[in-house]
Amino acid sequence: MKAINSQISVAPQIRPEDLADYAQQGFRSVICNRPDGEGADQPVFEEIEAAAKRLGLEVRYLPIVAGKVRDADADAFGELMDTLPKPVLAYCRTGTRSATLWSLSQADKQPLSDILAQSRAAGYDMSGVVRRIANGGRTPTETAEDARFDVVIVGGGAAGISVASSLLSRNSDLDIAIIDPADVHYYQPGWTMVGGGIFEAADTAKTMGSLIPRGVHWIRSAVAAFEPKDNAVILDGCRVVKYDRLVVCPGLKLDWHRVEGLVDTLGKNGVTSNYRYDLAPYTWELVQNMREGRALFTQPPMPIKCAGAPQKAMYLSGDHWLRSGRLDKIDIQFMNAGGVLFGVKDYVPALMEYVKRYDADLNYFHNLVSIDGPARKAVFEVKEPDKDVRRIETEFDMIHVTPPQTAPDFIRVSPLADAAGWVDVDQATLRHATYDNVWSLGDVMNAPNAKTAAAARKQAPVVAANIVSDIRGHSATAQYDGYGSCPLTVERGKIVLAEFGYGGTLLPSFPRWLVDGTRPTRTAWLLKERILPPVYWRAMLRGKEWLAKPEKVSAA
């Protein structure tokens, strides 16, 4: 017996003598989805019914022929779920028919990703009926594709638009589509600077339509599911887009709801975050207006976008308070769920100098779990090595929250994902580990690199080169070395330019005499403030691979 949720569990064939145990577990209803006589050793429904009634259980017979779940059957199952006392136990020969019926019956009641996740957690793969679920639980009347392209790119962020442009620069004849429902494209690396009073929020946003490369089809829809065995992407509303090759790069999901009470207080009560376009200006407002009190800066467990961003907010805030003569009255606390300040040790000494300059306390293994905005209190779960887990409550006057982050739901429940929910790729070629015509880049793939826009800048040419090589019948020609960059804004006017690859290997883009990445420099600040934004808009998104030419696959 496997629980799908608190309302229903499904099971393989049960026997009359099992029902007493199920009743003791709290089940109140039983649905039989297996026709009598399907197997020689199978008890008939009347035996199950008699035993159930003796125990006071409701019982219903809805027999389904194996492999033939009709739309009417799903409707009937949904009616039983609406009317029977809960929880319900449904069974058939293996439980699959019952799980399928439940999945189809919930099509108009729950998001597709939630249905797939719940059924998968119970051990049942619903990928075979995903189109029906996406179609409101009904069998689509038209099974042919609605559109077909040489390359389909899921995600119109930094990675998606860059790889489309890089593909066209190599083969202008490709028929490419980008799938993304968003109307606005954001330069997210700029939000730290907005929160520090350096950039205006409006300068970090442009319309999606103005950035989609000319000749590329823009499908303004959300993806519901993938069918990689059929080379198909299923959109909301059950439209089917077929592809010869697929690129997956939709970005991360910011899981604000995982912190209890956070959503209700964002943007007020001193609670802010540079991880949202509309909240970054509020960060700067709080910093300017704060005269005294406690300022908390949080960092959740990895992985997150740009692991340095949480402390960048702290440094720029501390610098403002220092320059305005208020720092001695402000208690800065950095609440880090991890155990180190930064994952690449070469940059830590320079960062620690600024931790001391701003008299900030580093609190490791502290993970934000709930927040009470009106009361100005935050609760952290503390998981220190070799110690019992405990919770502490901390008061604040201002708190900058970095939300927990995961792969989007439709990625985590898809056949493309690994056990942890990330798209499973070869870390050098960025080709999918199972499906040869699928690649991934950006934040959702499982290569062990930093999730930054700078990483996507290097990944896009690798994916483009390898796709074009594959089209020509050749093996991969380009490889990704794990490059990522995190310009750590330690004060207004200086940056520690962290650049590194797989295993923490330093990968500087400039000679040390020009930019020593392990030390704060004004040159790196100039790069962040003046050079990188136009490089992003005018080069990266347009397929101009400045300082991003892909590394050739080694012969070894």
Protein backbone atom coordinates (compact mmCIF):
# COMPACT_ATOMS: atom_id res chain seq x y z
CA MET A 1 0.00 0.00 0.00
CA LYS A 2 1.39 3.42 -1.04
CA ALA A 3 0.00 6.76 0.10
CA ILE A 4 -0.48 9.32 -2.67
CA ASN A 5 -1.65 11.90 -0.16
CA SER A 6 -3.67 12.03 3.06
CA GLN A 7 -6.91 11.43 1.14
CA ILE A 8 -5.99 8.34 -0.90
CA SER A 9 -3.63 5.39 -1.02
CA VAL A 10 -3.34 2.77 -3.73
CA ALA A 11 -2.35 -0.86 -3.50
CA PRO A 12 -1.89 -4.07 -5.47
CA GLN A 13 -4.53 -6.79 -5.06
CA ILE A 14 -5.76 -7.03 -1.47
CA ARG A 15 -7.41 -9.98 0.26
CA PRO A 16 -10.44 -10.02 2.59
CA GLU A 17 -8.26 -10.75 5.61
CA ASP A 18 -6.21 -7.59 4.94
CA LEU A 19 -9.13 -5.26 5.52
CA ALA A 20 -9.07 -5.41 9.32
CA ASP A 21 -5.53 -4.05 9.27
CA TYR A 22 -6.50 -1.29 6.82
CA ALA A 23 -9.49 -0.33 8.98
CA GLN A 24 -7.19 -0.15 12.00
CA GLN A 25 -4.92 2.20 10.03
CA GLY A 26 -7.88 4.56 9.62
CA PHE A 27 -9.14 3.87 6.11
CA ARG A 28 -12.88 4.47 5.73
CA SER A 29 -13.51 3.50 2.11
CA VAL A 30 -12.28 0.95 -0.44
CA ILE A 31 -12.47 1.13 -4.26
CA CYS A 32 -11.87 -1.99 -6.34
CA ASN A 33 -10.55 -1.21 -9.83
CA ARG A 34 -9.75 -4.80 -10.82
CA PRO A 35 -12.36 -6.78 -12.79
CA ASP A 36 -13.32 -10.14 -11.33
CA GLY A 37 -11.67 -13.10 -13.02
CA GLU A 38 -8.56 -11.26 -14.19
CA GLY A 39 -6.32 -13.70 -12.31
CA ALA A 40 -6.77 -17.28 -11.13
CA ASP A 41 -5.71 -16.49 -7.56
CA GLN A 42 -7.81 -13.34 -7.25
CA PRO A 43 -10.64 -13.03 -4.68
CA VAL A 44 -13.88 -11.82 -6.26
CA PHE A 45 -15.27 -8.42 -5.35
CA GLU A 46 -18.15 -9.92 -3.33
CA GLU A 47 -15.63 -11.38 -0.87
CA ILE A 48 -13.93 -8.01 -0.45
CA GLU A 49 -17.29 -6.28 -0.14
CA ALA A 50 -18.56 -8.63 2.56
CA ALA A 51 -15.39 -8.25 4.64
CA ALA A 52 -15.44 -4.44 4.24
CA LYS A 53 -19.05 -4.13 5.32
CA ARG A 54 -18.42 -6.22 8.45
CA LEU A 55 -15.80 -3.63 9.41
CA GLY A 56 -18.04 -0.65 8.64
CA LEU A 57 -16.07 0.38 5.53
CA GLU A 58 -17.67 1.91 2.46
CA VAL A 59 -16.78 -0.14 -0.64
CA ARG A 60 -17.30 0.44 -4.38
CA TYR A 61 -16.67 -1.62 -7.52
CA LEU A 62 -15.26 0.31 -10.51
CA PRO A 63 -13.61 -2.37 -12.70
CA ILE A 64 -11.13 -1.20 -15.34
CA VAL A 65 -9.70 -3.40 -18.07
CA ALA A 66 -5.89 -3.23 -17.98
CA GLY A 67 -4.57 -0.56 -20.36
CA LYS A 68 -8.04 0.81 -21.12
CA VAL A 69 -8.77 3.65 -18.72
CA ARG A 70 -11.54 5.61 -20.42
CA ASP A 71 -12.39 9.25 -19.80
CA ALA A 72 -15.71 8.13 -18.29
CA ASP A 73 -13.83 5.87 -15.87
CA ALA A 74 -11.75 8.80 -14.63
CA ASP A 75 -14.93 10.87 -14.18
CA ALA A 76 -16.53 8.05 -12.18
CA PHE A 77 -13.43 7.72 -9.99
CA GLY A 78 -13.49 11.48 -9.37
CA GLU A 79 -17.12 11.28 -8.26
CA LEU A 80 -16.24 8.50 -5.82
CA MET A 81 -13.38 10.61 -4.44
CA ASP A 82 -15.80 13.50 -3.94
CA THR A 83 -18.43 11.44 -2.11
CA LEU A 84 -16.72 8.61 -0.21
CA PRO A 85 -15.47 9.07 3.37
CA LYS A 86 -11.72 9.67 3.53
CA PRO A 87 -9.14 8.30 3.52
CA VAL A 88 -9.75 5.96 0.59
CA LEU A 89 -7.83 2.82 -0.40
CA ALA A 90 -8.04 1.98 -4.13
CA TYR A 91 -6.58 -1.21 -5.55
CA CYS A 92 -6.10 -3.22 -8.75
CA ARG A 93 -3.54 -5.84 -9.76
CA THR A 94 -0.49 -3.59 -9.21
CA GLY A 95 -2.00 -0.26 -8.14
CA THR A 96 -1.18 1.39 -11.48
CA ARG A 97 -4.78 1.58 -12.76
CA SER A 98 -5.89 3.12 -9.47
CA ALA A 99 -3.06 5.66 -9.53
CA THR A 100 -3.89 6.50 -13.15
CA LEU A 101 -7.56 7.00 -12.36
CA TRP A 102 -6.70 9.30 -9.47
CA SER A 103 -4.24 11.29 -11.61
CA LEU A 104 -6.78 11.84 -14.39
CA SER A 105 -9.54 12.69 -11.93
CA GLN A 106 -7.42 15.48 -10.42
CA ALA A 107 -6.53 17.15 -13.73
CA ASP A 108 -8.73 20.20 -13.19
CA LYS A 109 -8.18 20.33 -9.44
CA GLN A 110 -4.38 20.35 -9.02
CA PRO A 111 -1.38 21.56 -11.05
CA LEU A 112 0.03 18.88 -13.33
CA SER A 113 3.40 19.00 -11.59
CA ASP A 114 1.74 18.29 -8.22
CA ILE A 115 -0.16 15.30 -9.65
CA LEU A 116 3.01 13.87 -11.19
CA ALA A 117 5.01 14.47 -8.01
CA GLN A 118 2.47 12.78 -5.73
CA SER A 119 2.03 9.75 -7.97
CA ARG A 120 5.80 9.44 -8.46
CA ALA A 121 6.40 9.59 -4.70
CA ALA A 122 3.99 6.67 -4.36
CA GLY A 123 6.00 4.74 -6.94
CA TYR A 124 3.81 5.26 -10.03
CA ASP A 125 5.05 6.95 -13.22
CA MET A 126 2.26 8.86 -14.96
CA SER A 127 4.34 10.00 -17.97
CA GLY A 128 2.26 7.73 -20.20
CA VAL A 129 -0.90 9.76 -19.54
CA VAL A 130 0.66 13.18 -19.12
CA ARG A 131 -1.07 14.55 -22.22
CA ARG A 132 -4.43 13.45 -20.89
CA ILE A 133 -3.77 15.07 -17.52
CA ALA A 134 -2.67 18.27 -19.28
CA ASN A 135 -5.87 18.08 -21.31
CA GLY A 136 -8.08 18.23 -18.24
CA GLY A 137 -8.07 14.46 -17.76
CA ARG A 138 -9.54 13.85 -21.22
CA THR A 139 -8.03 11.95 -24.12
CA PRO A 140 -6.85 14.56 -26.66
CA THR A 141 -8.89 14.40 -29.85
CA GLU A 142 -5.83 15.33 -31.90
CA THR A 143 -2.61 13.42 -31.21
CA ALA A 144 -0.39 14.96 -33.89
CA GLU A 145 1.98 17.78 -32.94
CA ASP A 146 0.79 21.37 -33.00
CA ALA A 147 4.24 22.57 -34.09
CA ARG A 148 7.69 21.19 -34.90
CA PHE A 149 11.13 22.83 -34.85
CA ASP A 150 14.75 21.89 -35.40
CA VAL A 151 15.60 23.14 -31.90
CA VAL A 152 13.22 23.91 -29.05
CA ILE A 153 14.58 25.95 -26.14
CA VAL A 154 12.65 25.90 -22.86
CA GLY A 155 13.33 29.18 -21.05
CA GLY A 156 13.84 32.71 -22.30
CA GLY A 157 16.25 33.91 -19.63
CA ALA A 158 19.96 34.63 -19.97
CA ALA A 159 20.77 31.03 -20.92
CA GLY A 160 17.90 30.51 -23.36
CA ILE A 161 18.27 33.68 -25.43
CA SER A 162 22.08 33.39 -25.44
CA VAL A 163 22.06 29.82 -26.74
CA ALA A 164 19.50 30.70 -29.42
CA SER A 165 21.72 33.55 -30.64
CA SER A 166 24.84 31.38 -30.52
CA LEU A 167 23.07 28.68 -32.53
CA LEU A 168 22.01 31.15 -35.22
CA SER A 169 25.53 32.57 -35.42
CA ARG A 170 26.71 29.06 -36.38
CA ASN A 171 23.77 28.00 -38.56
CA SER A 172 21.33 30.72 -39.61
CA ASP A 173 19.05 28.18 -41.33
CA LEU A 174 17.96 26.52 -38.07
CA ASP A 175 14.25 26.66 -37.22
CA ILE A 176 14.32 27.54 -33.50
CA ALA A 177 11.59 28.15 -30.93
CA ILE A 178 11.89 29.59 -27.42
CA ILE A 179 9.12 28.63 -24.99
CA ASP A 180 8.58 31.13 -22.18
CA PRO A 181 5.38 32.76 -20.85
CA ALA A 182 7.11 35.84 -19.41
CA ASP A 183 6.64 39.26 -21.01
CA VAL A 184 9.66 40.82 -19.30
CA HIS A 185 13.30 39.74 -19.24
CA TYR A 186 15.41 40.79 -16.25
CA TYR A 187 19.11 41.40 -15.80
CA GLN A 188 19.12 39.74 -12.41
CA PRO A 189 22.81 40.36 -11.58
CA GLY A 190 21.89 44.04 -11.37
CA TRP A 191 19.46 43.63 -8.48
CA THR A 192 22.25 43.60 -5.89
CA MET A 193 23.26 47.01 -7.20
CA VAL A 194 19.65 48.22 -7.03
CA GLY A 195 19.52 47.13 -3.39
CA GLY A 196 22.73 49.09 -2.81
CA GLY A 197 21.46 52.29 -4.40
CA ILE A 198 23.74 52.10 -7.47
CA PHE A 199 21.36 50.98 -10.25
CA GLU A 200 17.73 51.88 -10.92
CA ALA A 201 15.42 48.88 -11.05
CA ALA A 202 13.95 49.93 -14.40
CA ASP A 203 17.39 49.65 -16.02
CA THR A 204 17.45 45.91 -15.28
CA ALA A 205 14.32 45.07 -17.29
CA LYS A 206 13.48 44.89 -20.99
CA THR A 207 10.54 43.42 -22.86
CA MET A 208 11.02 39.80 -23.89
CA GLY A 209 9.89 40.56 -27.42
CA SER A 210 12.73 43.05 -27.90
CA LEU A 211 15.35 40.42 -27.02
CA ILE A 212 14.16 37.28 -28.82
CA PRO A 213 16.57 36.88 -31.77
CA ARG A 214 15.13 37.74 -35.18
CA GLY A 215 13.80 34.64 -36.88
CA VAL A 216 13.31 32.70 -33.63
CA HIS A 217 9.72 31.71 -32.82
CA TRP A 218 8.53 32.81 -29.39
CA ILE A 219 5.91 30.50 -27.90
CA ARG A 220 4.37 32.42 -25.00
CA SER A 221 3.25 29.49 -22.90
CA ALA A 222 4.24 27.51 -19.84
CA VAL A 223 5.61 23.99 -20.15
CA ALA A 224 3.50 21.34 -18.45
CA ALA A 225 5.63 18.25 -19.08
CA PHE A 226 8.24 16.54 -21.24
CA GLU A 227 7.94 13.38 -23.34
CA PRO A 228 11.58 12.85 -24.37
CA LYS A 229 10.91 9.39 -25.82
CA ASP A 230 8.55 11.04 -28.30
CA ASN A 231 10.66 14.19 -28.74
CA ALA A 232 7.78 16.27 -27.43
CA VAL A 233 7.17 19.14 -25.04
CA ILE A 234 3.64 19.40 -23.62
CA LEU A 235 2.39 22.94 -23.02
CA ASP A 236 -0.40 24.11 -20.75
CA GLY A 237 -3.64 23.26 -22.50
CA CYS A 238 -2.13 20.05 -23.94
CA ARG A 239 -0.59 21.64 -27.01
CA VAL A 240 2.27 19.47 -28.28
CA VAL A 241 5.53 20.91 -29.62
CA LYS A 242 7.88 18.42 -31.29
CA TYR A 243 11.60 18.88 -31.71
CA ASP A 244 14.67 17.33 -33.28
CA ARG A 245 16.81 18.70 -30.46
CA LEU A 246 15.85 20.18 -27.11
CA VAL A 247 17.60 22.69 -24.83
CA VAL A 248 16.32 23.00 -21.25
CA CYS A 249 17.16 26.17 -19.30
CA PRO A 250 14.13 27.63 -17.47
CA GLY A 251 15.92 28.98 -14.38
CA LEU A 252 15.27 28.28 -10.71
CA LYS A 253 12.13 28.37 -8.61
CA LEU A 254 12.33 30.78 -5.67
CA ASP A 255 10.51 28.89 -2.93
CA TRP A 256 9.28 31.79 -0.79
CA HIS A 257 6.59 29.65 0.81
CA ARG A 258 9.15 27.31 2.39
CA VAL A 259 9.79 29.97 5.05
CA GLU A 260 6.67 30.15 7.18
CA GLY A 261 5.14 33.63 7.26
CA LEU A 262 7.57 35.12 4.75
CA VAL A 263 5.17 35.73 1.87
CA ASP A 264 2.77 37.65 4.12
CA THR A 265 5.40 40.16 5.19
CA LEU A 266 7.66 40.67 2.13
CA GLY A 267 8.03 44.33 1.24
CA LYS A 268 6.93 45.60 4.66
CA ASN A 269 7.84 45.34 8.35
CA GLY A 270 11.52 45.65 7.43
CA VAL A 271 11.50 42.40 5.41
CA THR A 272 13.13 42.58 1.98
CA SER A 273 15.05 40.62 -0.66
CA ASN A 274 17.25 41.54 -3.62
CA TYR A 275 16.10 38.30 -5.26
CA ARG A 276 12.94 40.02 -6.48
CA TYR A 277 12.75 42.94 -8.90
CA ASP A 278 10.07 44.81 -6.99
CA LEU A 279 11.75 44.33 -3.60
CA ALA A 280 15.34 45.39 -4.36
CA PRO A 281 14.40 49.12 -4.16
CA TYR A 282 12.86 48.45 -0.73
CA THR A 283 16.24 47.10 0.40
CA TRP A 284 17.87 50.42 -0.41
CA GLU A 285 15.03 52.30 1.27
CA LEU A 286 15.52 50.30 4.48
CA VAL A 287 19.30 50.77 4.42
CA GLN A 288 18.99 54.54 3.96
CA ASN A 289 16.42 54.92 6.72
CA MET A 290 18.02 52.65 9.32
CA ARG A 291 19.68 54.61 12.13
CA GLU A 292 20.16 51.89 14.72
CA GLY A 293 19.09 48.34 15.55
CA ARG A 294 19.73 44.84 14.23
CA ALA A 295 20.05 43.91 10.55
CA LEU A 296 19.89 40.24 9.58
CA PHE A 297 21.10 38.84 6.26
CA THR A 298 20.16 35.23 5.53
CA GLN A 299 21.53 32.53 3.26
CA PRO A 300 19.61 29.23 2.80
CA PRO A 301 21.09 25.80 2.03
CA MET A 302 22.73 25.38 -1.37
CA PRO A 303 22.17 25.43 -4.26
CA ILE A 304 21.10 29.03 -4.85
CA LYS A 305 21.59 31.59 -7.59
CA CYS A 306 24.93 33.32 -7.11
CA ALA A 307 26.08 32.06 -3.74
CA GLY A 308 27.74 35.40 -3.02
CA ALA A 309 24.60 37.50 -3.41
CA PRO A 310 23.41 37.19 0.22
CA GLN A 311 26.67 38.61 1.55
CA LYS A 312 26.89 41.24 -1.20
CA ALA A 313 23.74 42.78 0.28
CA MET A 314 25.39 42.77 3.70
CA TYR A 315 28.60 44.41 2.50
CA LEU A 316 26.90 47.22 0.55
CA SER A 317 24.58 47.92 3.48
CA GLY A 318 27.47 47.94 5.94
CA ASP A 319 29.45 50.26 3.69
CA HIS A 320 26.58 52.78 3.58
CA TRP A 321 26.18 52.68 7.35
CA LEU A 322 29.94 53.11 7.79
CA ARG A 323 30.12 56.09 5.44
CA SER A 324 27.09 57.75 7.08
CA GLY A 325 28.52 57.33 10.60
CA ARG A 326 25.83 54.91 11.83
CA LEU A 327 27.64 51.58 11.82
CA ASP A 328 28.48 51.64 15.56
CA LYS A 329 24.74 51.63 16.34
CA ILE A 330 23.81 48.81 13.95
CA ASP A 331 24.19 45.14 14.81
CA ILE A 332 24.89 43.17 11.59
CA GLN A 333 24.25 39.42 11.70
CA PHE A 334 24.93 37.07 8.79
CA MET A 335 22.78 33.94 9.19
CA ASN A 336 24.22 31.24 6.93
CA ALA A 337 22.76 27.74 6.64
CA GLY A 338 26.15 26.54 5.40
CA GLY A 339 29.41 26.13 7.24
CA VAL A 340 31.72 28.50 5.31
CA LEU A 341 31.62 32.13 4.23
CA PHE A 342 32.43 31.30 0.59
CA GLY A 343 32.98 27.98 -1.12
CA VAL A 344 36.32 28.85 -2.78
CA LYS A 345 38.86 29.42 -0.01
CA ASP A 346 41.16 31.72 -2.03
CA TYR A 347 38.66 34.57 -1.72
CA VAL A 348 37.84 34.17 1.97
CA PRO A 349 40.74 36.22 3.45
CA ALA A 350 39.72 39.36 1.53
CA LEU A 351 36.07 38.85 2.48
CA MET A 352 36.93 38.39 6.15
CA GLU A 353 38.62 41.79 6.16
CA TYR A 354 35.26 43.33 5.30
CA VAL A 355 33.40 41.17 7.81
CA LYS A 356 35.70 42.73 10.42
CA ARG A 357 35.37 46.22 8.94
CA TYR A 358 31.57 46.10 9.30
CA ASP A 359 31.77 44.28 12.64
CA ALA A 360 29.42 41.60 11.30
CA ASP A 361 28.78 38.40 13.25
CA LEU A 362 28.93 35.19 11.22
CA ASN A 363 26.39 32.61 12.34
CA TYR A 364 26.96 29.32 10.53
CA PHE A 365 24.47 26.43 10.23
CA HIS A 366 21.58 28.87 10.86
CA ASN A 367 18.68 28.33 8.44
CA LEU A 368 15.66 30.67 8.42
CA VAL A 369 12.46 28.63 8.88
CA SER A 370 9.82 31.18 9.89
CA ILE A 371 9.32 34.90 10.25
CA ASP A 372 6.82 37.12 12.07
CA GLY A 373 6.98 40.47 10.31
CA PRO A 374 4.73 42.55 12.57
CA ALA A 375 6.56 41.28 15.67
CA ARG A 376 9.96 41.70 13.94
CA LYS A 377 11.07 38.19 14.91
CA ALA A 378 12.74 35.44 12.90
CA VAL A 379 13.21 31.78 13.81
CA PHE A 380 16.29 29.86 12.69
CA GLU A 381 16.94 26.13 12.79
CA VAL A 382 20.52 25.53 13.92
CA LYS A 383 22.16 22.30 12.71
CA GLU A 384 25.72 22.38 13.98
CA PRO A 385 27.87 19.28 13.41
CA ASP A 386 27.71 16.69 16.22
CA LYS A 387 25.10 18.72 18.12
CA ASP A 388 21.37 18.38 18.61
CA VAL A 389 19.23 20.43 16.25
CA ARG A 390 17.78 23.47 17.97
CA ARG A 391 15.75 26.55 17.14
CA ILE A 392 16.48 30.12 18.12
CA GLU A 393 14.36 33.25 17.85
CA THR A 394 16.03 36.49 16.84
CA GLU A 395 14.58 40.00 16.79
CA PHE A 396 15.35 42.31 13.88
CA ASP A 397 14.76 45.83 12.65
CA MET A 398 15.65 44.87 9.08
CA ILE A 399 16.07 41.47 7.47
CA HIS A 400 17.30 40.68 3.96
CA VAL A 401 16.03 37.22 3.05
CA THR A 402 17.51 34.94 0.41
CA PRO A 403 14.74 32.43 -0.36
CA PRO A 404 15.26 28.66 -0.61
CA GLN A 405 15.64 27.65 -4.25
CA THR A 406 14.84 24.49 -6.23
CA ALA A 407 14.39 23.37 -9.80
CA PRO A 408 10.91 24.25 -11.13
CA ASP A 409 8.21 21.68 -10.42
CA PHE A 410 7.81 20.65 -14.06
CA ILE A 411 11.55 19.88 -14.17
CA ARG A 412 11.71 17.97 -10.89
CA VAL A 413 8.93 15.55 -11.88
CA SER A 414 10.10 15.06 -15.47
CA PRO A 415 12.00 12.12 -17.02
CA LEU A 416 14.89 14.53 -17.60
CA ALA A 417 15.62 14.96 -13.88
CA ASP A 418 18.04 13.07 -11.66
CA ALA A 419 17.05 11.80 -8.21
CA ALA A 420 17.59 15.27 -6.73
CA GLY A 421 15.33 16.96 -9.30
CA TRP A 422 17.96 18.60 -11.55
CA VAL A 423 18.39 17.98 -15.29
CA ASP A 424 20.93 15.18 -15.60
CA VAL A 425 23.82 16.16 -17.91
CA ASP A 426 27.41 15.33 -18.73
CA GLN A 427 29.27 18.14 -16.95
CA ALA A 428 31.66 18.75 -19.84
CA THR A 429 29.43 18.58 -22.93
CA LEU A 430 26.17 19.53 -21.13
CA ARG A 431 24.39 16.80 -23.08
CA HIS A 432 21.73 14.81 -21.26
CA ALA A 433 22.96 11.61 -19.65
CA THR A 434 20.10 9.53 -21.13
CA TYR A 435 18.57 11.38 -24.09
CA ASP A 436 21.12 12.14 -26.81
CA ASN A 437 19.12 14.97 -28.40
CA VAL A 438 18.67 16.94 -25.18
CA TRP A 439 21.04 19.51 -23.66
CA SER A 440 20.74 21.74 -20.60
CA LEU A 441 22.47 24.83 -19.26
CA GLY A 442 21.90 27.54 -16.71
CA ASP A 443 20.56 26.99 -13.24
CA VAL A 444 18.53 23.77 -13.62
CA MET A 445 21.18 21.29 -14.71
CA ASN A 446 23.14 19.17 -12.26
CA ALA A 447 26.74 20.03 -13.15
CA PRO A 448 28.60 21.08 -9.96
CA ASN A 449 29.18 24.71 -10.93
CA ALA A 450 28.08 28.08 -9.58
CA LYS A 451 24.60 29.10 -10.73
CA THR A 452 25.37 32.54 -12.16
CA ALA A 453 24.70 34.48 -15.35
CA ALA A 454 28.46 34.41 -15.98
CA ALA A 455 28.29 30.62 -16.01
CA ALA A 456 25.48 30.71 -18.58
CA ARG A 457 27.59 33.08 -20.69
CA LYS A 458 30.25 30.36 -20.98
CA GLN A 459 27.80 27.47 -21.27
CA ALA A 460 25.75 28.84 -24.17
CA PRO A 461 28.54 28.63 -26.78
CA VAL A 462 29.39 25.09 -25.59
CA VAL A 463 25.81 23.90 -26.05
CA ALA A 464 25.46 25.70 -29.40
CA ALA A 465 28.71 24.28 -30.76
CA ASN A 466 27.84 20.75 -29.68
CA ILE A 467 24.31 20.90 -31.12
CA VAL A 468 25.59 22.12 -34.49
CA SER A 469 28.25 19.41 -34.42
CA ASP A 470 25.55 16.83 -33.68
CA ILE A 471 23.43 18.09 -36.57
CA ARG A 472 26.42 17.55 -38.85
CA GLY A 473 26.80 13.99 -37.59
CA HIS A 474 29.87 14.63 -35.46
CA SER A 475 30.59 14.12 -31.77
CA ALA A 476 30.91 16.95 -29.23
CA THR A 477 33.49 19.57 -30.12
CA ALA A 478 33.27 21.88 -27.09
CA GLN A 479 33.50 21.39 -23.36
CA TYR A 480 32.57 23.43 -20.30
CA ASP A 481 35.13 23.77 -17.52
CA GLY A 482 32.68 24.76 -14.77
CA TYR A 483 33.42 28.48 -15.06
CA GLY A 484 31.41 30.77 -12.86
CA SER A 485 31.93 34.33 -11.70
CA CYS A 486 30.74 36.13 -8.61
CA PRO A 487 31.67 39.83 -8.39
CA LEU A 488 31.53 40.31 -4.61
CA THR A 489 30.61 43.94 -3.99
CA VAL A 490 32.49 44.43 -0.71
CA GLU A 491 32.14 48.21 -0.71
CA ARG A 492 30.86 50.93 -3.01
CA GLY A 493 33.69 51.26 -5.52
CA LYS A 494 35.49 47.93 -4.92
CA ILE A 495 34.81 44.32 -5.81
CA VAL A 496 36.44 40.97 -5.14
CA LEU A 497 36.07 39.34 -8.56
CA ALA A 498 35.73 35.64 -7.83
CA GLU A 499 36.17 33.52 -10.97
CA PHE A 500 36.46 29.77 -10.65
CA GLY A 501 35.59 26.44 -12.21
CA TYR A 502 35.00 22.85 -11.22
CA GLY A 503 36.62 21.90 -7.92
CA GLY A 504 37.25 25.55 -6.99
CA THR A 505 39.99 25.96 -9.62
CA LEU A 506 40.69 29.67 -10.17
CA LEU A 507 39.87 30.73 -13.74
CA PRO A 508 40.68 34.46 -14.01
CA SER A 509 39.69 36.24 -17.20
CA PHE A 510 42.30 38.97 -16.86
CA PRO A 511 46.01 39.10 -16.00
CA ARG A 512 46.73 39.58 -12.31
CA TRP A 513 48.35 42.97 -12.87
CA LEU A 514 45.03 44.23 -14.23
CA VAL A 515 42.59 42.50 -11.87
CA ASP A 516 43.75 40.48 -8.86
CA GLY A 517 40.56 38.53 -8.20
CA THR A 518 41.58 37.59 -4.68
CA ARG A 519 41.76 41.25 -3.62
CA PRO A 520 39.18 44.08 -3.77
CA THR A 521 39.84 46.34 -6.77
CA ARG A 522 38.31 49.41 -8.39
CA THR A 523 38.88 47.86 -11.81
CA ALA A 524 36.53 44.99 -10.94
CA TRP A 525 33.95 47.54 -9.74
CA LEU A 526 34.19 49.38 -13.06
CA LEU A 527 33.65 46.03 -14.80
CA LYS A 528 30.52 45.31 -12.75
CA GLU A 529 29.04 48.81 -12.89
CA ARG A 530 29.90 49.99 -16.41
CA ILE A 531 31.00 47.10 -18.61
CA LEU A 532 29.04 43.96 -17.73
CA PRO A 533 25.51 45.37 -18.25
CA PRO A 534 26.11 46.40 -21.89
CA VAL A 535 28.05 43.16 -22.47
CA TYR A 536 24.98 41.28 -21.26
CA TRP A 537 22.43 43.17 -23.37
CA ARG A 538 24.48 43.81 -26.50
CA ALA A 539 26.85 40.85 -26.68
CA MET A 540 25.83 37.81 -24.65
CA LEU A 541 22.16 37.89 -25.65
CA ARG A 542 23.11 38.54 -29.28
CA GLY A 543 25.50 35.62 -29.71
CA LYS A 544 28.70 37.66 -29.57
CA GLU A 545 30.93 35.40 -27.52
CA TRP A 546 33.38 37.93 -26.08
CA LEU A 547 35.68 36.14 -23.63
CA ALA A 548 33.37 33.12 -23.96
CA LYS A 549 34.66 31.13 -26.94
CA PRO A 550 34.09 27.45 -26.15
CA GLU A 551 37.00 25.28 -25.14
CA LYS A 552 37.69 22.45 -27.58
CA VAL A 553 37.19 18.87 -26.43
CA SER A 554 40.57 17.44 -25.55
CA ALA A 555 41.82 14.42 -27.49
CA ALA A 556 42.62 12.54 -24.28
